[in-house]
All heavy atoms as atom14 arrays in JSON, in Angstrom:
{
  "sequence": "FVYSKEFGLKTFTGPNGMKIPQDSIYFQVYNGLGADF",
  "atom14_mask": [
    [1, 1, 1, 1, 1, 1, 1, 1, 1, 1, 1, 0, 0, 0],
    [1, 1, 1, 1, 1, 1, 1, 0, 0, 0, 0, 0, 0, 0],
    [1, 1, 1, 1, 1, 1, 1, 1, 1, 1, 1, 1, 0, 0],
    [1, 1, 1, 1, 1, 1, 0, 0, 0, 0, 0, 0, 0, 0],
    [1, 1, 1, 1, 1, 1, 1, 1, 1, 0, 0, 0, 0, 0],
    [1, 1, 1, 1, 1, 1, 1, 1, 1, 0, 0, 0, 0, 0],
    [1, 1, 1, 1, 1, 1, 1, 1, 1, 1, 1, 0, 0, 0],
    [1, 1, 1, 1, 0, 0, 0, 0, 0, 0, 0, 0, 0, 0],
    [1, 1, 1, 1, 1, 1, 1, 1, 0, 0, 0, 0, 0, 0],
    [1, 1, 1, 1, 1, 1, 1, 1, 1, 0, 0, 0, 0, 0],
    [1, 1, 1, 1, 1, 1, 1, 0, 0, 0, 0, 0, 0, 0],
    [1, 1, 1, 1, 1, 1, 1, 1, 1, 1, 1, 0, 0, 0],
    [1, 1, 1, 1, 1, 1, 1, 0, 0, 0, 0, 0, 0, 0],
    [1, 1, 1, 1, 0, 0, 0, 0, 0, 0, 0, 0, 0, 0],
    [1, 1, 1, 1, 1, 1, 1, 0, 0, 0, 0, 0, 0, 0],
    [1, 1, 1, 1, 1, 1, 1, 1, 0, 0, 0, 0, 0, 0],
    [1, 1, 1, 1, 0, 0, 0, 0, 0, 0, 0, 0, 0, 0],
    [1, 1, 1, 1, 1, 1, 1, 1, 0, 0, 0, 0, 0, 0],
    [1, 1, 1, 1, 1, 1, 1, 1, 1, 0, 0, 0, 0, 0],
    [1, 1, 1, 1, 1, 1, 1, 1, 0, 0, 0, 0, 0, 0],
    [1, 1, 1, 1, 1, 1, 1, 0, 0, 0, 0, 0, 0, 0],
    [1, 1, 1, 1, 1, 1, 1, 1, 1, 0, 0, 0, 0, 0],
    [1, 1, 1, 1, 1, 1, 1, 1, 0, 0, 0, 0, 0, 0],
    [1, 1, 1, 1, 1, 1, 0, 0, 0, 0, 0, 0, 0, 0],
    [1, 1, 1, 1, 1, 1, 1, 1, 0, 0, 0, 0, 0, 0],
    [1, 1, 1, 1, 1, 1, 1, 1, 1, 1, 1, 1, 0, 0],
    [1, 1, 1, 1, 1, 1, 1, 1, 1, 1, 1, 0, 0, 0],
    [1, 1, 1, 1, 1, 1, 1, 1, 1, 0, 0, 0, 0, 0],
    [1, 1, 1, 1, 1, 1, 1, 0, 0, 0, 0, 0, 0, 0],
    [1, 1, 1, 1, 1, 1, 1, 1, 1, 1, 1, 1, 0, 0],
    [1, 1, 1, 1, 1, 1, 1, 1, 0, 0, 0, 0, 0, 0],
    [1, 1, 1, 1, 0, 0, 0, 0, 0, 0, 0, 0, 0, 0],
    [1, 1, 1, 1, 1, 1, 1, 1, 0, 0, 0, 0, 0, 0],
    [1, 1, 1, 1, 0, 0, 0, 0, 0, 0, 0, 0, 0, 0],
    [1, 1, 1, 1, 1, 0, 0, 0, 0, 0, 0, 0, 0, 0],
    [1, 1, 1, 1, 1, 1, 1, 1, 0, 0, 0, 0, 0, 0],
    [1, 1, 1, 1, 1, 1, 1, 1, 1, 1, 1, 0, 0, 0]
  ],
  "atom14_positions": [
    [[53.55, 267.59, -11.23], [52.56, 266.7, -11.84], [52.88, 265.28, -11.43], [54.03, 264.83, -11.52], [52.55, 266.82, -13.37], [51.44, 266.01, -13.99], [50.11, 266.36, -13.76], [51.7, 264.89, -14.75], [49.07, 265.61, -14.31], [50.67, 264.14, -15.3], [49.35, 264.51, -15.08], [0.0, 0.0, 0.0], [0.0, 0.0, 0.0], [0.0, 0.0, 0.0]],
    [[51.85, 264.58, -10.94], [52.0, 263.22, -10.44], [51.17, 262.3, -11.31], [49.95, 262.5, -11.45], [51.53, 263.12, -8.98], [51.74, 261.71, -8.45], [52.25, 264.14, -8.11], [0.0, 0.0, 0.0], [0.0, 0.0, 0.0], [0.0, 0.0, 0.0], [0.0, 0.0, 0.0], [0.0, 0.0, 0.0], [0.0, 0.0, 0.0], [0.0, 0.0, 0.0]],
    [[51.81, 261.3, -11.94], [51.06, 260.33, -12.74], [51.67, 258.95, -12.62], [52.88, 258.76, -12.81], [51.04, 260.73, -14.22], [50.38, 259.67, -15.09], [49.03, 259.35, -14.92], [51.09, 258.98, -16.04], [48.42, 258.37, -15.68], [50.49, 258.0, -16.82], [49.15, 257.7, -16.63], [48.55, 256.72, -17.39], [0.0, 0.0, 0.0], [0.0, 0.0, 0.0]],
    [[50.83, 258.01, -12.26], [51.23, 256.6, -12.25], [49.97, 255.77, -12.43], [49.05, 255.85, -11.6], [51.93, 256.22, -10.95], [52.12, 254.82, -10.87], [0.0, 0.0, 0.0], [0.0, 0.0, 0.0], [0.0, 0.0, 0.0], [0.0, 0.0, 0.0], [0.0, 0.0, 0.0], [0.0, 0.0, 0.0], [0.0, 0.0, 0.0], [0.0, 0.0, 0.0]],
    [[49.91, 255.01, -13.49], [48.75, 254.15, -13.73], [48.65, 253.09, -12.65], [47.56, 252.75, -12.19], [48.86, 253.5, -15.11], [47.59, 252.8, -15.57], [47.71, 252.33, -17.0], [46.41, 251.71, -17.48], [46.52, 251.25, -18.9], [0.0, 0.0, 0.0], [0.0, 0.0, 0.0], [0.0, 0.0, 0.0], [0.0, 0.0, 0.0], [0.0, 0.0, 0.0]],
    [[49.8, 252.57, -12.23], [49.82, 251.57, -11.17], [49.26, 252.12, -9.87], [48.56, 251.44, -9.13], [51.25, 251.05, -10.94], [51.76, 250.12, -12.01], [52.4, 250.86, -13.19], [52.15, 252.08, -13.32], [53.14, 250.23, -13.96], [0.0, 0.0, 0.0], [0.0, 0.0, 0.0], [0.0, 0.0, 0.0], [0.0, 0.0, 0.0], [0.0, 0.0, 0.0]],
    [[49.58, 253.38, -9.58], [49.12, 253.99, -8.34], [47.74, 254.6, -8.45], [47.15, 255.01, -7.45], [50.1, 255.09, -7.9], [51.41, 254.58, -7.36], [51.72, 253.23, -7.38], [52.33, 255.45, -6.83], [52.92, 252.77, -6.89], [53.55, 255.0, -6.32], [53.84, 253.65, -6.35], [0.0, 0.0, 0.0], [0.0, 0.0, 0.0], [0.0, 0.0, 0.0]],
    [[47.24, 254.71, -9.69], [45.94, 255.35, -9.88], [45.98, 256.84, -9.62], [45.01, 257.43, -9.15], [0.0, 0.0, 0.0], [0.0, 0.0, 0.0], [0.0, 0.0, 0.0], [0.0, 0.0, 0.0], [0.0, 0.0, 0.0], [0.0, 0.0, 0.0], [0.0, 0.0, 0.0], [0.0, 0.0, 0.0], [0.0, 0.0, 0.0], [0.0, 0.0, 0.0]],
    [[47.12, 257.49, -9.93], [47.3, 258.91, -9.65], [47.53, 259.68, -10.95], [48.32, 259.26, -11.79], [48.49, 259.14, -8.73], [48.4, 258.55, -7.32], [49.74, 258.66, -6.62], [47.33, 259.26, -6.51], [0.0, 0.0, 0.0], [0.0, 0.0, 0.0], [0.0, 0.0, 0.0], [0.0, 0.0, 0.0], [0.0, 0.0, 0.0], [0.0, 0.0, 0.0]],
    [[46.86, 260.8, -11.09], [47.12, 261.74, -12.18], [46.57, 263.09, -11.78], [45.39, 263.35, -11.89], [46.55, 261.26, -13.52], [45.1, 260.83, -13.52], [44.69, 260.37, -14.92], [43.24, 259.9, -14.93], [42.84, 259.46, -16.3], [0.0, 0.0, 0.0], [0.0, 0.0, 0.0], [0.0, 0.0, 0.0], [0.0, 0.0, 0.0], [0.0, 0.0, 0.0]],
    [[47.45, 263.95, -11.29], [47.0, 265.23, -10.77], [48.15, 266.23, -10.69], [49.32, 265.85, -10.6], [46.38, 265.04, -9.37], [45.83, 266.27, -8.92], [47.42, 264.57, -8.36], [0.0, 0.0, 0.0], [0.0, 0.0, 0.0], [0.0, 0.0, 0.0], [0.0, 0.0, 0.0], [0.0, 0.0, 0.0], [0.0, 0.0, 0.0], [0.0, 0.0, 0.0]],
    [[47.79, 267.52, -10.72], [48.73, 268.59, -10.43], [48.66, 268.89, -8.94], [47.59, 268.86, -8.33], [48.37, 269.86, -11.2], [48.68, 269.8, -12.67], [47.72, 269.4, -13.59], [49.93, 270.18, -13.14], [48.0, 269.36, -14.94], [50.23, 270.14, -14.49], [49.26, 269.73, -15.4], [0.0, 0.0, 0.0], [0.0, 0.0, 0.0], [0.0, 0.0, 0.0]],
    [[49.81, 269.2, -8.35], [49.84, 269.66, -6.96], [50.7, 270.92, -6.9], [51.36, 271.28, -7.87], [50.43, 268.59, -6.01], [51.83, 268.41, -6.31], [49.72, 267.27, -6.16], [0.0, 0.0, 0.0], [0.0, 0.0, 0.0], [0.0, 0.0, 0.0], [0.0, 0.0, 0.0], [0.0, 0.0, 0.0], [0.0, 0.0, 0.0], [0.0, 0.0, 0.0]],
    [[50.7, 271.56, -5.75], [51.49, 272.76, -5.56], [52.96, 272.47, -5.39], [53.39, 271.3, -5.4], [0.0, 0.0, 0.0], [0.0, 0.0, 0.0], [0.0, 0.0, 0.0], [0.0, 0.0, 0.0], [0.0, 0.0, 0.0], [0.0, 0.0, 0.0], [0.0, 0.0, 0.0], [0.0, 0.0, 0.0], [0.0, 0.0, 0.0], [0.0, 0.0, 0.0]],
    [[53.79, 273.5, -5.2], [55.25, 273.31, -5.11], [55.67, 272.49, -3.9], [56.72, 271.87, -3.9], [55.78, 274.75, -5.01], [54.64, 275.54, -4.48], [53.41, 274.91, -5.04], [0.0, 0.0, 0.0], [0.0, 0.0, 0.0], [0.0, 0.0, 0.0], [0.0, 0.0, 0.0], [0.0, 0.0, 0.0], [0.0, 0.0, 0.0], [0.0, 0.0, 0.0]],
    [[54.85, 272.49, -2.86], [55.18, 271.75, -1.64], [54.33, 270.49, -1.51], [54.17, 269.94, -0.42], [54.98, 272.64, -0.41], [55.9, 273.83, -0.44], [57.08, 273.71, -0.74], [55.36, 275.0, -0.15], [0.0, 0.0, 0.0], [0.0, 0.0, 0.0], [0.0, 0.0, 0.0], [0.0, 0.0, 0.0], [0.0, 0.0, 0.0], [0.0, 0.0, 0.0]],
    [[53.8, 270.03, -2.63], [53.01, 268.81, -2.6], [51.57, 269.07, -2.19], [51.06, 270.19, -2.26], [0.0, 0.0, 0.0], [0.0, 0.0, 0.0], [0.0, 0.0, 0.0], [0.0, 0.0, 0.0], [0.0, 0.0, 0.0], [0.0, 0.0, 0.0], [0.0, 0.0, 0.0], [0.0, 0.0, 0.0], [0.0, 0.0, 0.0], [0.0, 0.0, 0.0]],
    [[50.91, 268.03, -1.76], [49.52, 268.13, -1.35], [49.42, 268.86, -0.01], [50.35, 268.85, 0.78], [48.91, 266.73, -1.25], [48.94, 265.98, -2.58], [48.31, 264.29, -2.48], [46.57, 264.6, -2.24], [0.0, 0.0, 0.0], [0.0, 0.0, 0.0], [0.0, 0.0, 0.0], [0.0, 0.0, 0.0], [0.0, 0.0, 0.0], [0.0, 0.0, 0.0]],
    [[48.29, 269.5, 0.22], [48.11, 270.29, 1.43], [47.78, 269.37, 2.6], [46.7, 268.79, 2.67], [47.01, 271.32, 1.22], [47.36, 272.39, 0.19], [46.27, 273.44, 0.06], [46.66, 274.5, -0.95], [45.58, 275.53, -1.11], [0.0, 0.0, 0.0], [0.0, 0.0, 0.0], [0.0, 0.0, 0.0], [0.0, 0.0, 0.0], [0.0, 0.0, 0.0]],
    [[48.73, 269.26, 3.51], [48.6, 268.41, 4.68], [48.8, 269.28, 5.92], [49.66, 270.17, 5.93], [49.64, 267.27, 4.66], [49.55, 266.48, 3.36], [49.5, 266.36, 5.87], [48.21, 265.8, 3.15], [0.0, 0.0, 0.0], [0.0, 0.0, 0.0], [0.0, 0.0, 0.0], [0.0, 0.0, 0.0], [0.0, 0.0, 0.0], [0.0, 0.0, 0.0]],
    [[48.03, 269.06, 6.99], [48.25, 269.84, 8.21], [49.69, 269.74, 8.69], [50.3, 268.67, 8.64], [47.28, 269.18, 9.21], [46.22, 268.56, 8.37], [46.91, 268.12, 7.11], [0.0, 0.0, 0.0], [0.0, 0.0, 0.0], [0.0, 0.0, 0.0], [0.0, 0.0, 0.0], [0.0, 0.0, 0.0], [0.0, 0.0, 0.0], [0.0, 0.0, 0.0]],
    [[50.23, 270.84, 9.14], [51.63, 270.88, 9.55], [51.92, 270.07, 10.81], [53.08, 269.84, 11.13], [52.06, 272.33, 9.76], [52.24, 273.12, 8.48], [53.27, 272.51, 7.55], [54.4, 272.23, 7.97], [52.92, 272.31, 6.29], [0.0, 0.0, 0.0], [0.0, 0.0, 0.0], [0.0, 0.0, 0.0], [0.0, 0.0, 0.0], [0.0, 0.0, 0.0]],
    [[50.88, 269.62, 11.48], [51.1, 268.8, 12.68], [50.89, 267.31, 12.4], [50.76, 266.51, 13.31], [50.17, 269.24, 13.81], [48.69, 269.06, 13.46], [48.38, 268.75, 12.29], [47.85, 269.25, 14.36], [0.0, 0.0, 0.0], [0.0, 0.0, 0.0], [0.0, 0.0, 0.0], [0.0, 0.0, 0.0], [0.0, 0.0, 0.0], [0.0, 0.0, 0.0]],
    [[50.89, 266.95, 11.09], [50.59, 265.56, 10.72], [51.48, 265.07, 9.59], [52.1, 265.85, 8.87], [49.11, 265.43, 10.29], [48.24, 265.86, 11.31], [0.0, 0.0, 0.0], [0.0, 0.0, 0.0], [0.0, 0.0, 0.0], [0.0, 0.0, 0.0], [0.0, 0.0, 0.0], [0.0, 0.0, 0.0], [0.0, 0.0, 0.0], [0.0, 0.0, 0.0]],
    [[51.49, 263.75, 9.41], [52.16, 263.08, 8.29], [51.16, 262.09, 7.71], [50.55, 261.31, 8.45], [53.43, 262.33, 8.75], [54.46, 263.3, 9.31], [54.03, 261.54, 7.59], [55.63, 262.61, 9.98], [0.0, 0.0, 0.0], [0.0, 0.0, 0.0], [0.0, 0.0, 0.0], [0.0, 0.0, 0.0], [0.0, 0.0, 0.0], [0.0, 0.0, 0.0]],
    [[50.99, 262.12, 6.37], [50.09, 261.19, 5.69], [50.91, 260.34, 4.72], [51.87, 260.84, 4.12], [49.03, 261.93, 4.87], [47.98, 262.68, 5.64], [48.05, 262.86, 7.03], [46.89, 263.24, 4.97], [47.08, 263.58, 7.72], [45.91, 263.95, 5.65], [46.01, 264.12, 7.02], [45.05, 264.83, 7.68], [0.0, 0.0, 0.0], [0.0, 0.0, 0.0]],
    [[50.51, 259.08, 4.55], [51.13, 258.29, 3.48], [50.25, 257.12, 3.06], [49.37, 256.68, 3.8], [52.54, 257.82, 3.88], [52.61, 256.84, 5.03], [52.65, 255.46, 4.8], [52.68, 257.29, 6.33], [52.74, 254.58, 5.86], [52.78, 256.41, 7.39], [52.81, 255.04, 7.16], [0.0, 0.0, 0.0], [0.0, 0.0, 0.0], [0.0, 0.0, 0.0]],
    [[50.49, 256.65, 1.83], [49.89, 255.44, 1.3], [51.01, 254.49, 0.91], [52.14, 254.92, 0.68], [49.03, 255.75, 0.06], [47.73, 256.45, 0.38], [46.96, 256.8, -0.89], [47.07, 257.91, -1.4], [46.19, 255.86, -1.4], [0.0, 0.0, 0.0], [0.0, 0.0, 0.0], [0.0, 0.0, 0.0], [0.0, 0.0, 0.0], [0.0, 0.0, 0.0]],
    [[50.67, 253.2, 0.83], [51.7, 252.2, 0.61], [51.38, 251.35, -0.62], [50.25, 250.85, -0.78], [51.85, 251.28, 1.84], [53.06, 250.38, 1.68], [51.99, 252.1, 3.11], [0.0, 0.0, 0.0], [0.0, 0.0, 0.0], [0.0, 0.0, 0.0], [0.0, 0.0, 0.0], [0.0, 0.0, 0.0], [0.0, 0.0, 0.0], [0.0, 0.0, 0.0]],
    [[52.37, 251.23, -1.5], [52.27, 250.41, -2.71], [53.0, 249.09, -2.47], [54.12, 249.06, -1.96], [52.9, 251.15, -3.89], [52.9, 250.36, -5.18], [51.75, 250.24, -5.95], [54.07, 249.75, -5.64], [51.75, 249.53, -7.13], [54.07, 249.04, -6.83], [52.91, 248.94, -7.56], [52.92, 248.23, -8.73], [0.0, 0.0, 0.0], [0.0, 0.0, 0.0]],
    [[52.35, 247.98, -2.85], [52.94, 246.65, -2.68], [53.7, 246.28, -3.95], [53.13, 245.84, -4.94], [51.84, 245.62, -2.39], [52.41, 244.25, -2.05], [53.54, 243.92, -2.39], [51.62, 243.45, -1.36], [0.0, 0.0, 0.0], [0.0, 0.0, 0.0], [0.0, 0.0, 0.0], [0.0, 0.0, 0.0], [0.0, 0.0, 0.0], [0.0, 0.0, 0.0]],
    [[55.02, 246.48, -3.91], [55.87, 246.15, -5.04], [56.64, 244.85, -4.86], [57.63, 244.6, -5.57], [0.0, 0.0, 0.0], [0.0, 0.0, 0.0], [0.0, 0.0, 0.0], [0.0, 0.0, 0.0], [0.0, 0.0, 0.0], [0.0, 0.0, 0.0], [0.0, 0.0, 0.0], [0.0, 0.0, 0.0], [0.0, 0.0, 0.0], [0.0, 0.0, 0.0]],
    [[56.21, 244.01, -3.92], [56.91, 242.75, -3.65], [56.61, 241.72, -4.74], [55.47, 241.59, -5.18], [56.48, 242.2, -2.29], [56.89, 243.05, -1.08], [56.09, 242.64, 0.14], [58.38, 242.91, -0.82], [0.0, 0.0, 0.0], [0.0, 0.0, 0.0], [0.0, 0.0, 0.0], [0.0, 0.0, 0.0], [0.0, 0.0, 0.0], [0.0, 0.0, 0.0]],
    [[57.64, 241.01, -5.16], [57.46, 239.98, -6.18], [57.1, 238.63, -5.57], [57.34, 238.38, -4.39], [0.0, 0.0, 0.0], [0.0, 0.0, 0.0], [0.0, 0.0, 0.0], [0.0, 0.0, 0.0], [0.0, 0.0, 0.0], [0.0, 0.0, 0.0], [0.0, 0.0, 0.0], [0.0, 0.0, 0.0], [0.0, 0.0, 0.0], [0.0, 0.0, 0.0]],
    [[56.54, 237.76, -6.4], [56.18, 236.42, -5.93], [57.41, 235.61, -5.55], [57.32, 234.67, -4.74], [55.38, 235.7, -7.0], [0.0, 0.0, 0.0], [0.0, 0.0, 0.0], [0.0, 0.0, 0.0], [0.0, 0.0, 0.0], [0.0, 0.0, 0.0], [0.0, 0.0, 0.0], [0.0, 0.0, 0.0], [0.0, 0.0, 0.0], [0.0, 0.0, 0.0]],
    [[58.58, 235.96, -6.12], [59.8, 235.24, -5.77], [60.28, 235.59, -4.37], [61.05, 234.84, -3.76], [60.91, 235.54, -6.79], [61.16, 237.02, -6.97], [60.29, 237.81, -6.57], [62.2, 237.39, -7.52], [0.0, 0.0, 0.0], [0.0, 0.0, 0.0], [0.0, 0.0, 0.0], [0.0, 0.0, 0.0], [0.0, 0.0, 0.0], [0.0, 0.0, 0.0]],
    [[59.82, 236.72, -3.83], [60.19, 237.08, -2.47], [59.33, 236.3, -1.47], [59.84, 235.75, -0.48], [60.01, 238.58, -2.24], [60.2, 239.01, -0.81], [61.47, 239.13, -0.28], [59.1, 239.27, -0.01], [61.64, 239.5, 1.05], [59.27, 239.65, 1.31], [60.55, 239.75, 1.84], [0.0, 0.0, 0.0], [0.0, 0.0, 0.0], [0.0, 0.0, 0.0]]
  ]
}
């Protein structure tokens, strides 16, 4: 189970995560940088 209000995610997935083609890699990026950086 994946839930994060910041990420806008709330869903069940299978034991190996989301179904992605075996010849590919998918990703999304969260900006957690602070203003002090």
